[in-house]
C-alpha atoms as a PDB file:
ATOM      1  CA  UNK A   1     -32.111  -3.558  74.371  1.00  0.00           C
ATOM      2  CA  UNK A   2     -32.059  -4.261  70.612  1.00  0.00           C
ATOM      3  CA  UNK A   3     -34.970  -1.829  70.176  1.00  0.00           C
ATOM      4  CA  UNK A   4     -33.005   0.937  71.871  1.00  0.00           C
ATOM      5  CA  UNK A   5     -30.011   0.732  69.526  1.00  0.00           C
ATOM      6  CA  UNK A   6     -31.806   2.154  66.449  1.00  0.00           C
ATOM      7  CA  UNK A   7     -33.271   4.954  68.561  1.00  0.00           C
ATOM      8  CA  UNK A   8     -29.862   5.728  70.056  1.00  0.00           C
ATOM      9  CA  UNK A   9     -28.349   5.734  66.567  1.00  0.00           C
ATOM     10  CA  UNK A  10     -31.041   8.129  65.318  1.00  0.00           C
ATOM     11  CA  UNK A  11     -30.467  10.456  68.267  1.00  0.00           C
ATOM     12  CA  UNK A  12     -26.719  10.479  67.618  1.00  0.00           C
ATOM     13  CA  UNK A  13     -27.310  11.202  63.922  1.00  0.00           C
ATOM     14  CA  UNK A  14     -29.642  14.098  64.774  1.00  0.00           C
ATOM     15  CA  UNK A  15     -27.070  15.506  67.206  1.00  0.00           C
ATOM     16  CA  UNK A  16     -24.341  15.220  64.541  1.00  0.00           C
ATOM     17  CA  UNK A  17     -26.461  16.936  61.864  1.00  0.00           C
ATOM     18  CA  UNK A  18     -27.467  19.676  64.274  1.00  0.00           C
ATOM     19  CA  UNK A  19     -23.841  20.260  65.255  1.00  0.00           C
ATOM     20  CA  UNK A  20     -22.867  20.563  61.578  1.00  0.00           C
ATOM     21  CA  UNK A  21     -25.470  23.209  60.732  1.00  0.00           C
ATOM     22  CA  UNK A  22     -24.665  26.860  61.154  1.00  0.00           C
ATOM     23  CA  UNK A  23     -26.716  29.856  62.080  1.00  0.00           C
ATOM     24  CA  UNK A  24     -26.291  33.603  61.927  1.00  0.00           C
ATOM     25  CA  UNK A  25     -24.711  35.457  64.832  1.00  0.00           C
ATOM     26  CA  UNK A  26     -26.934  35.523  67.905  1.00  0.00           C
ATOM     27  CA  UNK A  27     -29.027  38.711  67.898  1.00  0.00           C
ATOM     28  CA  UNK A  28     -27.259  40.369  70.877  1.00  0.00           C
ATOM     29  CA  UNK A  29     -23.829  39.789  69.299  1.00  0.00           C
ATOM     30  CA  UNK A  30     -25.019  40.963  65.866  1.00  0.00           C
ATOM     31  CA  UNK A  31     -26.617  44.099  67.339  1.00  0.00           C
ATOM     32  CA  UNK A  32     -23.477  44.903  69.348  1.00  0.00           C
ATOM     33  CA  UNK A  33     -21.356  44.450  66.229  1.00  0.00           C
ATOM     34  CA  UNK A  34     -23.447  46.682  63.959  1.00  0.00           C
ATOM     35  CA  UNK A  35     -24.598  49.299  66.481  1.00  0.00           C
ATOM     36  CA  UNK A  36     -21.716  49.589  68.973  1.00  0.00           C
ATOM     37  CA  UNK A  37     -18.594  49.018  66.880  1.00  0.00           C
ATOM     38  CA  UNK A  38     -16.497  52.107  66.327  1.00  0.00           C
ATOM     39  CA  UNK A  39     -14.449  50.665  63.452  1.00  0.00           C
ATOM     40  CA  UNK A  40     -13.499  47.465  61.691  1.00  0.00           C
ATOM     41  CA  UNK A  41     -10.185  46.300  60.302  1.00  0.00           C
ATOM     42  CA  UNK A  42     -10.194  44.249  57.091  1.00  0.00           C
ATOM     43  CA  UNK A  43      -6.948  42.356  56.412  1.00  0.00           C
ATOM     44  CA  UNK A  44      -5.990  40.327  53.355  1.00  0.00           C
ATOM     45  CA  UNK A  45      -5.494  36.635  53.925  1.00  0.00           C
ATOM     46  CA  UNK A  46      -3.685  35.780  50.664  1.00  0.00           C
ATOM     47  CA  UNK A  47      -0.321  37.313  51.333  1.00  0.00           C
ATOM     48  CA  UNK A  48      -1.121  39.450  54.370  1.00  0.00           C
ATOM     49  CA  UNK A  49       0.044  42.440  52.363  1.00  0.00           C
ATOM     50  CA  UNK A  50      -2.404  45.011  53.554  1.00  0.00           C
ATOM     51  CA  UNK A  51      -5.364  46.092  55.585  1.00  0.00           C
ATOM     52  CA  UNK A  52      -8.085  48.695  55.441  1.00  0.00           C
ATOM     53  CA  UNK A  53      -9.830  50.335  58.375  1.00  0.00           C
ATOM     54  CA  UNK A  54     -13.502  51.012  57.739  1.00  0.00           C
ATOM     55  CA  UNK A  55     -16.160  52.999  59.543  1.00  0.00           C
ATOM     56  CA  UNK A  56     -18.531  50.980  61.697  1.00  0.00           C
ATOM     57  CA  UNK A  57     -21.568  52.389  59.876  1.00  0.00           C
ATOM     58  CA  UNK A  58     -20.690  50.104  56.975  1.00  0.00           C
ATOM     59  CA  UNK A  59     -21.197  47.050  59.175  1.00  0.00           C
ATOM     60  CA  UNK A  60     -24.863  47.866  59.642  1.00  0.00           C
ATOM     61  CA  UNK A  61     -25.263  48.680  55.962  1.00  0.00           C
ATOM     62  CA  UNK A  62     -23.562  45.610  54.499  1.00  0.00           C
ATOM     63  CA  UNK A  63     -23.620  42.643  56.910  1.00  0.00           C
ATOM     64  CA  UNK A  64     -27.071  41.124  57.228  1.00  0.00           C
ATOM     65  CA  UNK A  65     -28.516  39.124  60.102  1.00  0.00           C
ATOM     66  CA  UNK A  66     -29.456  36.405  57.587  1.00  0.00           C
ATOM     67  CA  UNK A  67     -27.859  32.970  57.854  1.00  0.00           C
ATOM     68  CA  UNK A  68     -26.439  31.333  54.725  1.00  0.00           C
ATOM     69  CA  UNK A  69     -24.480  28.164  54.115  1.00  0.00           C
ATOM     70  CA  UNK A  70     -20.752  28.397  54.665  1.00  0.00           C
ATOM     71  CA  UNK A  71     -19.234  29.387  51.302  1.00  0.00           C
ATOM     72  CA  UNK A  72     -16.891  26.995  49.559  1.00  0.00           C
ATOM     73  CA  UNK A  73     -13.496  28.130  48.418  1.00  0.00           C
ATOM     74  CA  UNK A  74     -10.774  30.210  49.936  1.00  0.00           C
ATOM     75  CA  UNK A  75     -11.436  33.210  52.188  1.00  0.00           C
ATOM     76  CA  UNK A  76     -10.566  36.652  50.835  1.00  0.00           C
ATOM     77  CA  UNK A  77      -9.923  38.543  54.049  1.00  0.00           C
ATOM     78  CA  UNK A  78     -10.419  38.647  57.773  1.00  0.00           C
ATOM     79  CA  UNK A  79     -12.388  41.260  59.662  1.00  0.00           C
ATOM     80  CA  UNK A  80     -12.052  42.444  63.222  1.00  0.00           C
ATOM     81  CA  UNK A  81     -14.905  44.558  64.584  1.00  0.00           C
ATOM     82  CA  UNK A  82     -13.823  46.810  67.428  1.00  0.00           C
ATOM     83  CA  UNK A  83     -15.129  49.169  70.053  1.00  0.00           C
ATOM     84  CA  UNK A  84     -12.402  51.716  70.792  1.00  0.00           C
ATOM     85  CA  UNK A  85      -9.623  49.336  69.705  1.00  0.00           C
ATOM     86  CA  UNK A  86     -11.001  46.365  71.668  1.00  0.00           C
ATOM     87  CA  UNK A  87     -12.086  43.487  69.449  1.00  0.00           C
ATOM     88  CA  UNK A  88     -15.650  42.364  70.054  1.00  0.00           C
ATOM     89  CA  UNK A  89     -15.999  39.875  67.202  1.00  0.00           C
ATOM     90  CA  UNK A  90     -13.839  38.678  64.318  1.00  0.00           C
ATOM     91  CA  UNK A  91     -14.611  36.746  61.183  1.00  0.00           C
ATOM     92  CA  UNK A  92     -13.436  35.535  57.822  1.00  0.00           C
ATOM     93  CA  UNK A  93     -14.813  37.125  54.659  1.00  0.00           C
ATOM     94  CA  UNK A  94     -15.733  34.884  51.743  1.00  0.00           C
ATOM     95  CA  UNK A  95     -16.612  36.482  48.411  1.00  0.00           C
ATOM     96  CA  UNK A  96     -18.464  34.526  45.751  1.00  0.00           C
ATOM     97  CA  UNK A  97     -19.577  35.353  42.227  1.00  0.00           C
ATOM     98  CA  UNK A  98     -23.064  36.147  43.467  1.00  0.00           C
ATOM     99  CA  UNK A  99     -22.378  37.665  46.881  1.00  0.00           C
ATOM    100  CA  UNK A 100     -20.531  36.772  49.994  1.00  0.00           C
ATOM    101  CA  UNK A 101     -20.626  35.901  53.652  1.00  0.00           C
ATOM    102  CA  UNK A 102     -18.685  36.344  56.848  1.00  0.00           C
ATOM    103  CA  UNK A 103     -17.905  33.295  58.963  1.00  0.00           C
ATOM    104  CA  UNK A 104     -17.552  34.111  62.646  1.00  0.00           C
ATOM    105  CA  UNK A 105     -16.144  31.666  65.189  1.00  0.00           C
ATOM    106  CA  UNK A 106     -17.080  32.316  68.794  1.00  0.00           C
ATOM    107  CA  UNK A 107     -15.874  29.834  71.390  1.00  0.00           C
ATOM    108  CA  UNK A 108     -15.685  27.051  68.824  1.00  0.00           C
ATOM    109  CA  UNK A 109     -19.141  27.696  67.349  1.00  0.00           C
ATOM    110  CA  UNK A 110     -19.345  28.850  63.745  1.00  0.00           C
ATOM    111  CA  UNK A 111     -21.859  31.479  62.640  1.00  0.00           C
ATOM    112  CA  UNK A 112     -22.349  32.546  59.018  1.00  0.00           C
ATOM    113  CA  UNK A 113     -23.909  35.897  58.109  1.00  0.00           C
ATOM    114  CA  UNK A 114     -24.696  36.878  54.533  1.00  0.00           C
ATOM    115  CA  UNK A 115     -23.419  40.048  52.926  1.00  0.00           C
ATOM    116  CA  UNK A 116     -25.959  41.942  50.875  1.00  0.00           C
ATOM    117  CA  UNK A 117     -24.947  42.753  47.277  1.00  0.00           C
ATOM    118  CA  UNK A 118     -23.677  46.212  48.238  1.00  0.00           C
ATOM    119  CA  UNK A 119     -21.684  44.665  51.066  1.00  0.00           C
ATOM    120  CA  UNK A 120     -20.096  42.075  48.778  1.00  0.00           C
ATOM    121  CA  UNK A 121     -19.143  44.838  46.333  1.00  0.00           C
ATOM    122  CA  UNK A 122     -17.778  46.978  49.176  1.00  0.00           C
ATOM    123  CA  UNK A 123     -15.607  44.179  50.559  1.00  0.00           C
ATOM    124  CA  UNK A 124     -14.353  43.317  47.064  1.00  0.00           C
ATOM    125  CA  UNK A 125     -13.230  46.936  46.730  1.00  0.00           C
ATOM    126  CA  UNK A 126     -11.739  46.940  50.271  1.00  0.00           C
ATOM    127  CA  UNK A 127      -9.769  43.777  49.491  1.00  0.00           C
ATOM    128  CA  UNK A 128      -8.591  45.280  46.203  1.00  0.00           C
ATOM    129  CA  UNK A 129      -7.549  48.492  47.957  1.00  0.00           C
ATOM    130  CA  UNK A 130      -5.691  46.552  50.665  1.00  0.00           C
ATOM    131  CA  UNK A 131      -3.761  44.600  48.059  1.00  0.00           C
ATOM    132  CA  UNK A 132      -2.426  47.733  46.329  1.00  0.00           C
END
């Protein structure tokens, strides 16, 4: 029995570490978001003072299928990706000095997708426009 305790502890630690790691959106969800969305709504989080509707083609151009670590700091905006006004996936946009990411939460599981540099610049401009 004493030999099983360290093994049980190691298994619990591995399960905890695995639960804490994030991945990018599952491929079917990512593909639906970038290829089937008709529009996306970006809303400021700071003071909820504005939103910008963007064409779905930008999703494919700016949100990558690459996983990154969850950014530190405060989120800049939220995004809701829609097909004919029905939300298919929503996330929180984080912008950093060197780029950005979108954190999606689906049924309690967190997924983090990187923005490419053009995407980070685009969302910075969208957030700025929404705040005016």
